[in-house]
Amino acid sequence: MKKELIIIGAGGYAKSVLDSFDPQQYDFKGFLDERPDKEEHFGYPILAHSLEDIPHPENFSFFIAIGSDPKRKIWFDRLNEIGADFASVWDSSAIVSPLAKVGKGCFIGKMAIVNAGVEIGDNVVINTMALVEHGSSVESHANISTKAVLNGDVLIGEGTFVGSGSVVIGQLSMGSWSIVGAGAVVTKDVESGVTVAGVPARVVRREARFW
């Protein structure tokens, strides 16, 4: 029996989720979006503007399609507290090794590759054409953007954002809630709560996004 799916967030990320979810697994019902003036998105209805507007949320599966990593974590924690069921969305073109472990509520986009021995936490985004190589770990609420490359045995901390086209050299560690700018090449460990950019990547800002 298919699960009834509600997508939280009605923006650009939600369009990618709509294009990638498995209709054989989920029956998509509509969106939850907090903007009170929004009534539909991409031809589908906005069912609710808050979680409290949904009767019997335990009867649904939820997917959090919010691009902001801190906001995505807040929603994940709220849903987790009520024991909600989290949908996972893997595009049919993605390649995920059977030797990888992927947590709940994750998105794996078109032509993304997750190789053997990788461990991915909960509520993680592995976006279009991203590559996560063997033995790497991506902790919960992190976001690996389009065409980003994590080489072997990399550790990405909770909530960290790795920008489009960036490369993290193998066997490095990145702390929690950091940002890697688009196109950067990370050649040494990165501490928590910083933004790095450039080739090679250097710290350009020290500002905690979320604690």
N, C-alpha and C. Protein backbone atom coordinates (compact mmCIF):
# COMPACT_ATOMS: atom_id res chain seq x y z
N MET A 1 0.84 -1.20 0.00
CA MET A 1 0.00 0.00 0.00
C MET A 1 0.88 1.25 0.00
N LYS A 2 0.56 2.19 -0.90
CA LYS A 2 1.35 3.41 -0.99
C LYS A 2 1.08 4.33 0.19
N LYS A 3 2.13 5.05 0.61
CA LYS A 3 1.99 6.01 1.69
C LYS A 3 1.58 7.37 1.12
N GLU A 4 0.75 8.10 1.86
CA GLU A 4 0.35 9.43 1.45
C GLU A 4 1.44 10.42 1.85
N LEU A 5 1.91 11.18 0.86
CA LEU A 5 3.08 12.04 1.04
C LEU A 5 2.68 13.51 1.07
N ILE A 6 3.21 14.24 2.05
CA ILE A 6 3.12 15.69 2.11
C ILE A 6 4.53 16.25 2.06
N ILE A 7 4.76 17.20 1.16
CA ILE A 7 6.05 17.86 1.04
C ILE A 7 5.98 19.18 1.80
N ILE A 8 6.95 19.40 2.69
CA ILE A 8 7.02 20.64 3.46
C ILE A 8 7.94 21.61 2.73
N GLY A 9 7.37 22.77 2.37
CA GLY A 9 8.10 23.75 1.58
C GLY A 9 7.65 23.70 0.13
N ALA A 10 7.31 24.86 -0.42
CA ALA A 10 6.82 24.92 -1.79
C ALA A 10 7.65 25.92 -2.58
N GLY A 11 8.91 25.56 -2.80
CA GLY A 11 9.82 26.41 -3.56
C GLY A 11 10.52 25.61 -4.64
N GLY A 12 11.71 26.08 -5.02
CA GLY A 12 12.44 25.42 -6.09
C GLY A 12 12.87 24.00 -5.75
N TYR A 13 13.34 23.80 -4.52
CA TYR A 13 13.77 22.47 -4.11
C TYR A 13 12.61 21.49 -4.21
N ALA A 14 11.41 21.95 -3.86
CA ALA A 14 10.24 21.07 -3.93
C ALA A 14 9.98 20.59 -5.35
N LYS A 15 10.29 21.41 -6.35
CA LYS A 15 10.11 20.98 -7.74
C LYS A 15 11.02 19.79 -8.06
N SER A 16 12.26 19.85 -7.56
CA SER A 16 13.17 18.72 -7.78
C SER A 16 12.67 17.46 -7.08
N VAL A 17 12.12 17.63 -5.89
CA VAL A 17 11.58 16.48 -5.16
C VAL A 17 10.40 15.88 -5.91
N LEU A 18 9.51 16.74 -6.40
CA LEU A 18 8.37 16.25 -7.17
C LEU A 18 8.81 15.46 -8.39
N ASP A 19 9.89 15.89 -9.01
CA ASP A 19 10.37 15.25 -10.23
C ASP A 19 11.09 13.93 -9.94
N SER A 20 11.44 13.70 -8.67
CA SER A 20 12.29 12.54 -8.35
C SER A 20 11.63 11.50 -7.46
N PHE A 21 10.53 11.83 -6.78
CA PHE A 21 9.95 10.84 -5.87
C PHE A 21 9.33 9.69 -6.66
N ASP A 22 9.21 8.55 -6.00
CA ASP A 22 8.71 7.33 -6.64
C ASP A 22 7.20 7.23 -6.48
N PRO A 23 6.42 7.43 -7.55
CA PRO A 23 4.95 7.37 -7.43
C PRO A 23 4.44 5.96 -7.13
N GLN A 24 5.30 4.96 -7.29
CA GLN A 24 4.90 3.61 -6.90
C GLN A 24 4.97 3.42 -5.38
N GLN A 25 5.75 4.28 -4.73
CA GLN A 25 5.93 4.17 -3.28
C GLN A 25 5.07 5.17 -2.51
N TYR A 26 4.86 6.35 -3.10
CA TYR A 26 4.14 7.42 -2.41
C TYR A 26 3.00 7.96 -3.25
N ASP A 27 1.91 8.31 -2.58
CA ASP A 27 0.78 9.00 -3.19
C ASP A 27 0.85 10.46 -2.73
N PHE A 28 1.31 11.34 -3.62
CA PHE A 28 1.53 12.73 -3.25
C PHE A 28 0.20 13.46 -3.10
N LYS A 29 -0.01 14.08 -1.92
CA LYS A 29 -1.28 14.76 -1.64
C LYS A 29 -1.20 16.27 -1.80
N GLY A 30 -0.03 16.87 -1.51
CA GLY A 30 0.11 18.32 -1.61
C GLY A 30 1.19 18.82 -0.67
N PHE A 31 1.22 20.15 -0.49
CA PHE A 31 2.29 20.81 0.25
C PHE A 31 1.82 21.36 1.59
N LEU A 32 2.76 21.47 2.50
CA LEU A 32 2.63 22.33 3.68
C LEU A 32 3.61 23.47 3.48
N ASP A 33 3.10 24.70 3.48
CA ASP A 33 3.96 25.88 3.29
C ASP A 33 3.48 26.97 4.24
N GLU A 34 4.42 27.59 4.95
CA GLU A 34 4.06 28.54 6.00
C GLU A 34 3.61 29.89 5.48
N ARG A 35 3.78 30.17 4.21
CA ARG A 35 3.35 31.46 3.67
C ARG A 35 1.83 31.48 3.52
N PRO A 36 1.14 32.38 4.23
CA PRO A 36 -0.33 32.33 4.26
C PRO A 36 -1.00 32.70 2.94
N ASP A 37 -0.27 33.40 2.05
CA ASP A 37 -0.87 33.82 0.79
C ASP A 37 -0.68 32.81 -0.33
N LYS A 38 0.00 31.71 -0.06
CA LYS A 38 0.29 30.72 -1.10
C LYS A 38 -0.77 29.62 -1.07
N GLU A 39 -1.39 29.37 -2.23
CA GLU A 39 -2.49 28.41 -2.29
C GLU A 39 -2.19 27.19 -3.15
N GLU A 40 -1.22 27.32 -4.05
CA GLU A 40 -0.84 26.17 -4.88
C GLU A 40 0.60 26.33 -5.32
N HIS A 41 1.18 25.21 -5.77
CA HIS A 41 2.56 25.23 -6.24
C HIS A 41 2.72 24.18 -7.32
N PHE A 42 3.15 24.61 -8.48
CA PHE A 42 3.43 23.68 -9.58
C PHE A 42 2.19 22.86 -9.93
N GLY A 43 1.01 23.48 -9.71
CA GLY A 43 -0.25 22.81 -10.04
C GLY A 43 -0.81 21.92 -8.94
N TYR A 44 -0.15 21.88 -7.78
CA TYR A 44 -0.61 21.06 -6.67
C TYR A 44 -1.05 21.95 -5.51
N PRO A 45 -1.99 21.49 -4.68
CA PRO A 45 -2.54 22.36 -3.63
C PRO A 45 -1.62 22.52 -2.42
N ILE A 46 -1.73 23.68 -1.77
CA ILE A 46 -1.16 23.87 -0.45
C ILE A 46 -2.21 23.37 0.54
N LEU A 47 -1.93 22.28 1.20
CA LEU A 47 -2.90 21.66 2.10
C LEU A 47 -2.98 22.37 3.44
N ALA A 48 -1.86 22.95 3.87
CA ALA A 48 -1.80 23.53 5.21
C ALA A 48 -0.69 24.56 5.26
N HIS A 49 -0.82 25.47 6.24
CA HIS A 49 0.21 26.48 6.47
C HIS A 49 0.95 26.25 7.79
N SER A 50 0.55 25.23 8.52
CA SER A 50 1.26 24.83 9.74
C SER A 50 1.00 23.36 9.98
N LEU A 51 1.85 22.75 10.78
CA LEU A 51 1.69 21.34 11.10
C LEU A 51 0.38 21.09 11.85
N GLU A 52 -0.03 22.09 12.63
CA GLU A 52 -1.27 21.96 13.41
C GLU A 52 -2.51 21.91 12.52
N ASP A 53 -2.38 22.37 11.27
CA ASP A 53 -3.52 22.35 10.34
C ASP A 53 -3.78 20.97 9.76
N ILE A 54 -2.87 20.03 9.99
CA ILE A 54 -3.01 18.70 9.40
C ILE A 54 -3.58 17.74 10.43
N PRO A 55 -4.81 17.26 10.22
CA PRO A 55 -5.37 16.29 11.17
C PRO A 55 -4.67 14.94 11.03
N HIS A 56 -4.36 14.34 12.15
CA HIS A 56 -3.74 13.02 12.18
C HIS A 56 -2.47 12.95 11.32
N PRO A 57 -1.46 13.75 11.66
CA PRO A 57 -0.22 13.72 10.87
C PRO A 57 0.46 12.36 10.88
N GLU A 58 0.12 11.53 11.85
CA GLU A 58 0.71 10.19 11.91
C GLU A 58 0.29 9.32 10.72
N ASN A 59 -0.73 9.76 9.98
CA ASN A 59 -1.20 8.99 8.84
C ASN A 59 -0.45 9.31 7.55
N PHE A 60 0.49 10.26 7.61
CA PHE A 60 1.19 10.70 6.41
C PHE A 60 2.70 10.44 6.53
N SER A 61 3.35 10.42 5.36
CA SER A 61 4.80 10.53 5.29
C SER A 61 5.14 11.97 4.90
N PHE A 62 6.23 12.48 5.45
CA PHE A 62 6.62 13.86 5.18
C PHE A 62 8.01 13.90 4.56
N PHE A 63 8.16 14.83 3.62
CA PHE A 63 9.50 15.13 3.11
C PHE A 63 9.72 16.63 3.24
N ILE A 64 10.89 17.01 3.80
CA ILE A 64 11.19 18.42 4.06
C ILE A 64 11.98 18.98 2.89
N ALA A 65 11.32 19.74 2.04
CA ALA A 65 11.95 20.32 0.85
C ALA A 65 12.24 21.80 1.09
N ILE A 66 13.10 22.06 2.05
CA ILE A 66 13.49 23.43 2.41
C ILE A 66 15.00 23.54 2.21
N GLY A 67 15.41 24.51 1.42
CA GLY A 67 16.83 24.63 1.08
C GLY A 67 17.71 25.06 2.23
N SER A 68 17.18 25.88 3.14
CA SER A 68 17.95 26.34 4.30
C SER A 68 18.21 25.17 5.24
N ASP A 69 19.49 24.86 5.46
CA ASP A 69 19.82 23.72 6.31
C ASP A 69 19.37 23.91 7.76
N PRO A 70 19.55 25.09 8.37
CA PRO A 70 19.03 25.26 9.73
C PRO A 70 17.52 25.10 9.82
N LYS A 71 16.79 25.66 8.86
CA LYS A 71 15.32 25.53 8.89
C LYS A 71 14.90 24.08 8.66
N ARG A 72 15.65 23.39 7.79
CA ARG A 72 15.34 21.99 7.55
C ARG A 72 15.53 21.17 8.82
N LYS A 73 16.55 21.49 9.61
CA LYS A 73 16.77 20.80 10.89
C LYS A 73 15.64 21.09 11.87
N ILE A 74 15.19 22.33 11.94
CA ILE A 74 14.10 22.69 12.85
C ILE A 74 12.85 21.86 12.53
N TRP A 75 12.53 21.77 11.24
CA TRP A 75 11.37 20.98 10.84
C TRP A 75 11.58 19.50 11.14
N PHE A 76 12.77 19.01 10.90
CA PHE A 76 13.06 17.60 11.18
C PHE A 76 12.84 17.30 12.67
N ASP A 77 13.35 18.18 13.53
CA ASP A 77 13.20 17.96 14.97
C ASP A 77 11.74 18.01 15.39
N ARG A 78 10.97 18.92 14.81
CA ARG A 78 9.54 19.01 15.13
C ARG A 78 8.81 17.73 14.75
N LEU A 79 9.06 17.25 13.55
CA LEU A 79 8.40 16.04 13.09
C LEU A 79 8.87 14.82 13.88
N ASN A 80 10.14 14.80 14.21
CA ASN A 80 10.68 13.68 14.97
C ASN A 80 10.03 13.59 16.35
N GLU A 81 9.74 14.74 16.94
CA GLU A 81 9.13 14.78 18.27
C GLU A 81 7.75 14.14 18.30
N ILE A 82 7.01 14.24 17.18
CA ILE A 82 5.66 13.65 17.15
C ILE A 82 5.67 12.26 16.54
N GLY A 83 6.86 11.74 16.25
CA GLY A 83 6.95 10.39 15.71
C GLY A 83 6.52 10.26 14.27
N ALA A 84 6.67 11.35 13.50
CA ALA A 84 6.23 11.34 12.10
C ALA A 84 7.09 10.39 11.26
N ASP A 85 6.51 9.94 10.17
CA ASP A 85 7.23 9.09 9.22
C ASP A 85 7.91 9.98 8.18
N PHE A 86 9.20 9.75 7.96
CA PHE A 86 9.97 10.54 7.01
C PHE A 86 10.11 9.79 5.69
N ALA A 87 9.72 10.45 4.61
CA ALA A 87 9.95 9.89 3.28
C ALA A 87 11.39 10.12 2.87
N SER A 88 11.93 9.21 2.08
CA SER A 88 13.22 9.41 1.43
C SER A 88 12.97 9.47 -0.07
N VAL A 89 13.68 10.36 -0.75
CA VAL A 89 13.49 10.54 -2.18
C VAL A 89 14.84 10.37 -2.88
N TRP A 90 14.95 9.30 -3.65
CA TRP A 90 16.14 9.04 -4.45
C TRP A 90 15.72 9.03 -5.91
N ASP A 91 16.31 9.89 -6.71
CA ASP A 91 15.99 9.89 -8.13
C ASP A 91 16.38 8.55 -8.76
N SER A 92 15.62 8.13 -9.75
CA SER A 92 15.88 6.82 -10.38
C SER A 92 17.22 6.78 -11.10
N SER A 93 17.77 7.96 -11.44
CA SER A 93 19.07 7.98 -12.13
C SER A 93 20.25 8.00 -11.17
N ALA A 94 19.99 8.18 -9.88
CA ALA A 94 21.07 8.19 -8.89
C ALA A 94 21.64 6.78 -8.72
N ILE A 95 22.92 6.72 -8.39
CA ILE A 95 23.58 5.44 -8.13
C ILE A 95 23.99 5.41 -6.66
N VAL A 96 23.39 4.50 -5.92
CA VAL A 96 23.69 4.37 -4.49
C VAL A 96 24.16 2.94 -4.24
N SER A 97 25.38 2.81 -3.78
CA SER A 97 25.95 1.49 -3.53
C SER A 97 25.12 0.74 -2.49
N PRO A 98 24.91 -0.56 -2.69
CA PRO A 98 24.25 -1.36 -1.65
C PRO A 98 25.10 -1.47 -0.38
N LEU A 99 26.35 -1.05 -0.47
CA LEU A 99 27.23 -1.06 0.70
C LEU A 99 27.27 0.29 1.41
N ALA A 100 26.43 1.22 0.96
CA ALA A 100 26.30 2.52 1.63
C ALA A 100 25.13 2.48 2.61
N LYS A 101 25.18 3.36 3.61
CA LYS A 101 24.08 3.50 4.56
C LYS A 101 23.53 4.91 4.46
N VAL A 102 22.21 5.02 4.29
CA VAL A 102 21.57 6.32 4.12
C VAL A 102 20.46 6.45 5.15
N GLY A 103 20.44 7.56 5.88
CA GLY A 103 19.45 7.79 6.92
C GLY A 103 18.09 8.16 6.37
N LYS A 104 17.20 8.57 7.26
CA LYS A 104 15.82 8.87 6.87
C LYS A 104 15.67 10.31 6.41
N GLY A 105 14.70 10.51 5.52
CA GLY A 105 14.38 11.86 5.06
C GLY A 105 15.40 12.48 4.13
N CYS A 106 16.21 11.66 3.46
CA CYS A 106 17.28 12.19 2.59
C CYS A 106 16.81 12.33 1.15
N PHE A 107 17.43 13.28 0.45
CA PHE A 107 17.22 13.47 -0.99
C PHE A 107 18.51 13.15 -1.71
N ILE A 108 18.42 12.28 -2.73
CA ILE A 108 19.56 11.98 -3.59
C ILE A 108 19.11 12.28 -5.01
N GLY A 109 19.69 13.31 -5.60
CA GLY A 109 19.20 13.87 -6.85
C GLY A 109 19.69 13.16 -8.10
N LYS A 110 19.32 13.73 -9.22
CA LYS A 110 19.60 13.13 -10.52
C LYS A 110 21.10 12.93 -10.73
N MET A 111 21.45 11.71 -11.11
CA MET A 111 22.82 11.33 -11.48
C MET A 111 23.83 11.52 -10.36
N ALA A 112 23.35 11.64 -9.13
CA ALA A 112 24.27 11.66 -7.99
C ALA A 112 24.82 10.25 -7.77
N ILE A 113 26.02 10.18 -7.18
CA ILE A 113 26.66 8.89 -6.93
C ILE A 113 27.08 8.83 -5.46
N VAL A 114 26.67 7.76 -4.80
CA VAL A 114 27.05 7.49 -3.41
C VAL A 114 27.71 6.13 -3.41
N ASN A 115 29.01 6.10 -3.14
CA ASN A 115 29.78 4.87 -3.33
C ASN A 115 29.90 4.02 -2.07
N ALA A 116 30.59 2.91 -2.20
CA ALA A 116 30.65 1.88 -1.16
C ALA A 116 31.23 2.42 0.14
N GLY A 117 30.63 2.00 1.24
CA GLY A 117 31.13 2.36 2.55
C GLY A 117 30.76 3.74 3.03
N VAL A 118 29.99 4.47 2.24
CA VAL A 118 29.56 5.81 2.64
C VAL A 118 28.46 5.70 3.71
N GLU A 119 28.49 6.61 4.67
CA GLU A 119 27.44 6.70 5.68
C GLU A 119 26.86 8.10 5.65
N ILE A 120 25.55 8.17 5.43
CA ILE A 120 24.84 9.44 5.34
C ILE A 120 23.81 9.49 6.46
N GLY A 121 23.78 10.60 7.19
CA GLY A 121 22.86 10.75 8.30
C GLY A 121 21.44 11.04 7.83
N ASP A 122 20.64 11.63 8.71
CA ASP A 122 19.24 11.94 8.41
C ASP A 122 19.11 13.33 7.79
N ASN A 123 18.09 13.49 6.94
CA ASN A 123 17.70 14.82 6.46
C ASN A 123 18.82 15.49 5.66
N VAL A 124 19.54 14.69 4.90
CA VAL A 124 20.69 15.17 4.11
C VAL A 124 20.27 15.36 2.66
N VAL A 125 20.85 16.36 2.00
CA VAL A 125 20.66 16.59 0.57
C VAL A 125 21.94 16.21 -0.16
N ILE A 126 21.82 15.28 -1.11
CA ILE A 126 22.91 14.97 -2.05
C ILE A 126 22.36 15.37 -3.41
N ASN A 127 22.75 16.52 -3.90
CA ASN A 127 22.05 17.12 -5.02
C ASN A 127 22.56 16.61 -6.38
N THR A 128 21.99 17.17 -7.43
CA THR A 128 22.22 16.70 -8.80
C THR A 128 23.71 16.55 -9.12
N MET A 129 24.08 15.35 -9.56
CA MET A 129 25.43 15.03 -10.04
C MET A 129 26.52 15.17 -8.98
N ALA A 130 26.14 15.23 -7.71
CA ALA A 130 27.15 15.23 -6.65
C ALA A 130 27.77 13.83 -6.54
N LEU A 131 29.02 13.78 -6.09
CA LEU A 131 29.74 12.51 -5.93
C LEU A 131 30.23 12.41 -4.49
N VAL A 132 29.83 11.33 -3.82
CA VAL A 132 30.32 11.04 -2.46
C VAL A 132 31.10 9.74 -2.56
N GLU A 133 32.41 9.84 -2.40
CA GLU A 133 33.26 8.68 -2.64
C GLU A 133 33.36 7.76 -1.42
N HIS A 134 33.99 6.63 -1.67
CA HIS A 134 34.07 5.51 -0.73
C HIS A 134 34.51 5.94 0.67
N GLY A 135 33.83 5.39 1.66
CA GLY A 135 34.23 5.57 3.04
C GLY A 135 33.93 6.93 3.65
N SER A 136 33.32 7.83 2.90
CA SER A 136 33.02 9.15 3.44
C SER A 136 31.80 9.11 4.35
N SER A 137 31.71 10.09 5.25
CA SER A 137 30.57 10.23 6.15
C SER A 137 30.00 11.63 6.01
N VAL A 138 28.69 11.70 5.85
CA VAL A 138 27.99 12.99 5.75
C VAL A 138 26.97 13.01 6.88
N GLU A 139 27.18 13.87 7.86
CA GLU A 139 26.31 13.87 9.03
C GLU A 139 24.97 14.57 8.74
N SER A 140 24.04 14.38 9.65
CA SER A 140 22.66 14.84 9.46
C SER A 140 22.57 16.33 9.13
N HIS A 141 21.58 16.65 8.28
CA HIS A 141 21.21 18.02 7.91
C HIS A 141 22.23 18.71 7.01
N ALA A 142 23.24 17.98 6.55
CA ALA A 142 24.22 18.56 5.62
C ALA A 142 23.62 18.65 4.22
N ASN A 143 24.28 19.43 3.37
CA ASN A 143 23.78 19.67 2.02
C ASN A 143 24.98 19.65 1.07
N ILE A 144 25.01 18.64 0.20
CA ILE A 144 26.08 18.51 -0.79
C ILE A 144 25.49 18.95 -2.12
N SER A 145 25.91 20.11 -2.59
CA SER A 145 25.23 20.76 -3.70
C SER A 145 25.64 20.16 -5.05
N THR A 146 25.08 20.74 -6.11
CA THR A 146 25.22 20.21 -7.46
C THR A 146 26.69 20.11 -7.89
N LYS A 147 27.05 18.93 -8.41
CA LYS A 147 28.38 18.63 -8.94
C LYS A 147 29.51 18.78 -7.92
N ALA A 148 29.18 18.83 -6.64
CA ALA A 148 30.24 18.82 -5.63
C ALA A 148 30.86 17.43 -5.55
N VAL A 149 32.14 17.38 -5.19
CA VAL A 149 32.86 16.11 -5.11
C VAL A 149 33.46 15.97 -3.72
N LEU A 150 33.08 14.89 -3.04
CA LEU A 150 33.72 14.51 -1.79
C LEU A 150 34.56 13.28 -2.09
N ASN A 151 35.87 13.43 -2.02
CA ASN A 151 36.73 12.29 -2.29
C ASN A 151 36.74 11.32 -1.11
N GLY A 152 37.49 10.23 -1.22
CA GLY A 152 37.39 9.14 -0.28
C GLY A 152 37.69 9.51 1.17
N ASP A 153 36.90 8.92 2.08
CA ASP A 153 37.15 9.02 3.53
C ASP A 153 37.08 10.45 4.06
N VAL A 154 36.19 11.24 3.49
CA VAL A 154 35.95 12.60 3.96
C VAL A 154 34.86 12.57 5.04
N LEU A 155 34.97 13.44 6.03
CA LEU A 155 33.93 13.61 7.04
C LEU A 155 33.33 15.00 6.90
N ILE A 156 32.02 15.05 6.67
CA ILE A 156 31.29 16.32 6.59
C ILE A 156 30.41 16.42 7.83
N GLY A 157 30.62 17.47 8.63
CA GLY A 157 29.91 17.62 9.89
C GLY A 157 28.45 18.01 9.71
N GLU A 158 27.72 17.92 10.80
CA GLU A 158 26.29 18.22 10.80
C GLU A 158 26.01 19.61 10.22
N GLY A 159 25.02 19.67 9.32
CA GLY A 159 24.54 20.95 8.81
C GLY A 159 25.47 21.69 7.88
N THR A 160 26.59 21.11 7.52
CA THR A 160 27.54 21.81 6.65
C THR A 160 27.04 21.81 5.20
N PHE A 161 27.26 22.93 4.53
CA PHE A 161 26.86 23.11 3.14
C PHE A 161 28.10 23.11 2.26
N VAL A 162 28.12 22.22 1.27
CA VAL A 162 29.23 22.12 0.33
C VAL A 162 28.73 22.60 -1.03
N GLY A 163 29.23 23.75 -1.48
CA GLY A 163 28.67 24.45 -2.62
C GLY A 163 28.91 23.78 -3.96
N SER A 164 28.17 24.25 -4.96
CA SER A 164 28.20 23.67 -6.30
C SER A 164 29.61 23.65 -6.88
N GLY A 165 29.98 22.50 -7.45
CA GLY A 165 31.25 22.38 -8.15
C GLY A 165 32.48 22.40 -7.27
N SER A 166 32.31 22.36 -5.97
CA SER A 166 33.47 22.37 -5.08
C SER A 166 34.02 20.95 -4.93
N VAL A 167 35.27 20.88 -4.48
CA VAL A 167 35.96 19.59 -4.32
C VAL A 167 36.57 19.55 -2.92
N VAL A 168 36.32 18.46 -2.22
CA VAL A 168 36.97 18.24 -0.92
C VAL A 168 37.94 17.07 -1.11
N ILE A 169 39.23 17.35 -0.91
CA ILE A 169 40.27 16.34 -1.08
C ILE A 169 40.07 15.21 -0.06
N GLY A 170 40.48 14.01 -0.41
CA GLY A 170 40.25 12.84 0.42
C GLY A 170 40.87 12.93 1.81
N GLN A 171 40.21 12.25 2.76
CA GLN A 171 40.68 12.07 4.13
C GLN A 171 40.69 13.36 4.94
N LEU A 172 39.87 14.33 4.55
CA LEU A 172 39.76 15.57 5.31
C LEU A 172 38.48 15.56 6.14
N SER A 173 38.45 16.43 7.16
CA SER A 173 37.28 16.58 8.02
C SER A 173 36.80 18.02 7.97
N MET A 174 35.47 18.18 7.92
CA MET A 174 34.85 19.49 8.01
C MET A 174 33.96 19.50 9.23
N GLY A 175 34.03 20.58 10.00
CA GLY A 175 33.22 20.69 11.21
C GLY A 175 31.75 20.91 10.89
N SER A 176 30.98 21.19 11.93
CA SER A 176 29.53 21.35 11.80
C SER A 176 29.16 22.78 11.39
N TRP A 177 28.08 22.89 10.61
CA TRP A 177 27.47 24.16 10.24
C TRP A 177 28.47 25.13 9.60
N SER A 178 29.32 24.58 8.75
CA SER A 178 30.23 25.40 7.95
C SER A 178 29.70 25.50 6.53
N ILE A 179 30.33 26.34 5.73
CA ILE A 179 29.95 26.54 4.33
C ILE A 179 31.20 26.47 3.47
N VAL A 180 31.10 25.71 2.37
CA VAL A 180 32.14 25.70 1.35
C VAL A 180 31.58 26.43 0.14
N GLY A 181 32.23 27.51 -0.28
CA GLY A 181 31.76 28.28 -1.41
C GLY A 181 31.82 27.50 -2.71
N ALA A 182 30.97 27.89 -3.65
CA ALA A 182 30.93 27.23 -4.96
C ALA A 182 32.30 27.28 -5.62
N GLY A 183 32.72 26.14 -6.18
CA GLY A 183 33.97 26.06 -6.92
C GLY A 183 35.22 25.99 -6.08
N ALA A 184 35.08 25.96 -4.76
CA ALA A 184 36.26 25.91 -3.89
C ALA A 184 36.93 24.54 -3.96
N VAL A 185 38.22 24.52 -3.63
CA VAL A 185 38.95 23.26 -3.49
C VAL A 185 39.49 23.21 -2.06
N VAL A 186 38.95 22.29 -1.28
CA VAL A 186 39.32 22.19 0.13
C VAL A 186 40.49 21.23 0.25
N THR A 187 41.63 21.74 0.75
CA THR A 187 42.86 20.94 0.81
C THR A 187 43.33 20.67 2.23
N LYS A 188 42.59 21.19 3.22
CA LYS A 188 42.93 20.91 4.62
C LYS A 188 41.65 20.93 5.45
N ASP A 189 41.73 20.41 6.66
CA ASP A 189 40.56 20.33 7.53
C ASP A 189 39.95 21.71 7.74
N VAL A 190 38.61 21.72 7.93
CA VAL A 190 37.87 22.97 8.14
C VAL A 190 37.17 22.88 9.48
N GLU A 191 37.29 23.93 10.29
CA GLU A 191 36.66 23.94 11.61
C GLU A 191 35.17 24.22 11.50
N SER A 192 34.46 24.11 12.61
CA SER A 192 33.02 24.35 12.64
C SER A 192 32.72 25.85 12.53
N GLY A 193 31.56 26.15 11.94
CA GLY A 193 31.02 27.50 11.96
C GLY A 193 31.76 28.53 11.14
N VAL A 194 32.44 28.10 10.07
CA VAL A 194 33.15 29.06 9.22
C VAL A 194 32.72 28.90 7.77
N THR A 195 33.00 29.92 6.97
CA THR A 195 32.82 29.85 5.53
C THR A 195 34.19 29.85 4.88
N VAL A 196 34.42 28.90 3.97
CA VAL A 196 35.67 28.86 3.22
C VAL A 196 35.35 29.01 1.74
N ALA A 197 36.29 29.60 1.00
CA ALA A 197 36.10 29.81 -0.43
C ALA A 197 37.46 29.91 -1.10
N GLY A 198 37.47 29.70 -2.42
CA GLY A 198 38.68 29.89 -3.20
C GLY A 198 39.43 28.60 -3.48
N VAL A 199 40.53 28.76 -4.23
CA VAL A 199 41.40 27.64 -4.61
C VAL A 199 42.84 28.02 -4.28
N PRO A 200 43.43 27.41 -3.25
CA PRO A 200 42.78 26.50 -2.30
C PRO A 200 41.85 27.26 -1.37
N ALA A 201 40.92 26.54 -0.74
CA ALA A 201 39.93 27.19 0.11
C ALA A 201 40.57 27.78 1.36
N ARG A 202 40.14 29.00 1.69
CA ARG A 202 40.59 29.68 2.91
C ARG A 202 39.38 30.23 3.64
N VAL A 203 39.52 30.43 4.94
CA VAL A 203 38.42 30.98 5.73
C VAL A 203 38.19 32.44 5.33
N VAL A 204 36.95 32.75 4.96
CA VAL A 204 36.60 34.13 4.59
C VAL A 204 35.59 34.73 5.56
N ARG A 205 35.01 33.90 6.43
CA ARG A 205 34.05 34.42 7.41
C ARG A 205 33.96 33.46 8.58
N ARG A 206 33.85 34.03 9.77
CA ARG A 206 33.63 33.24 10.97
C ARG A 206 32.31 33.68 11.57
N GLU A 207 31.29 32.90 11.30
CA GLU A 207 29.95 33.25 11.76
C GLU A 207 29.13 31.98 11.86
N ALA A 208 28.72 31.63 13.07
CA ALA A 208 27.95 30.40 13.26
C ALA A 208 26.57 30.56 12.63
N ARG A 209 26.19 29.58 11.80
CA ARG A 209 24.86 29.61 11.18
C ARG A 209 23.81 29.05 12.11
N PHE A 210 24.19 28.09 12.95
CA PHE A 210 23.19 27.39 13.75
C PHE A 210 23.90 26.60 14.84
N TRP A 211 23.40 26.71 16.07
CA TRP A 211 23.97 25.90 17.15
C TRP A 211 22.85 25.34 17.98
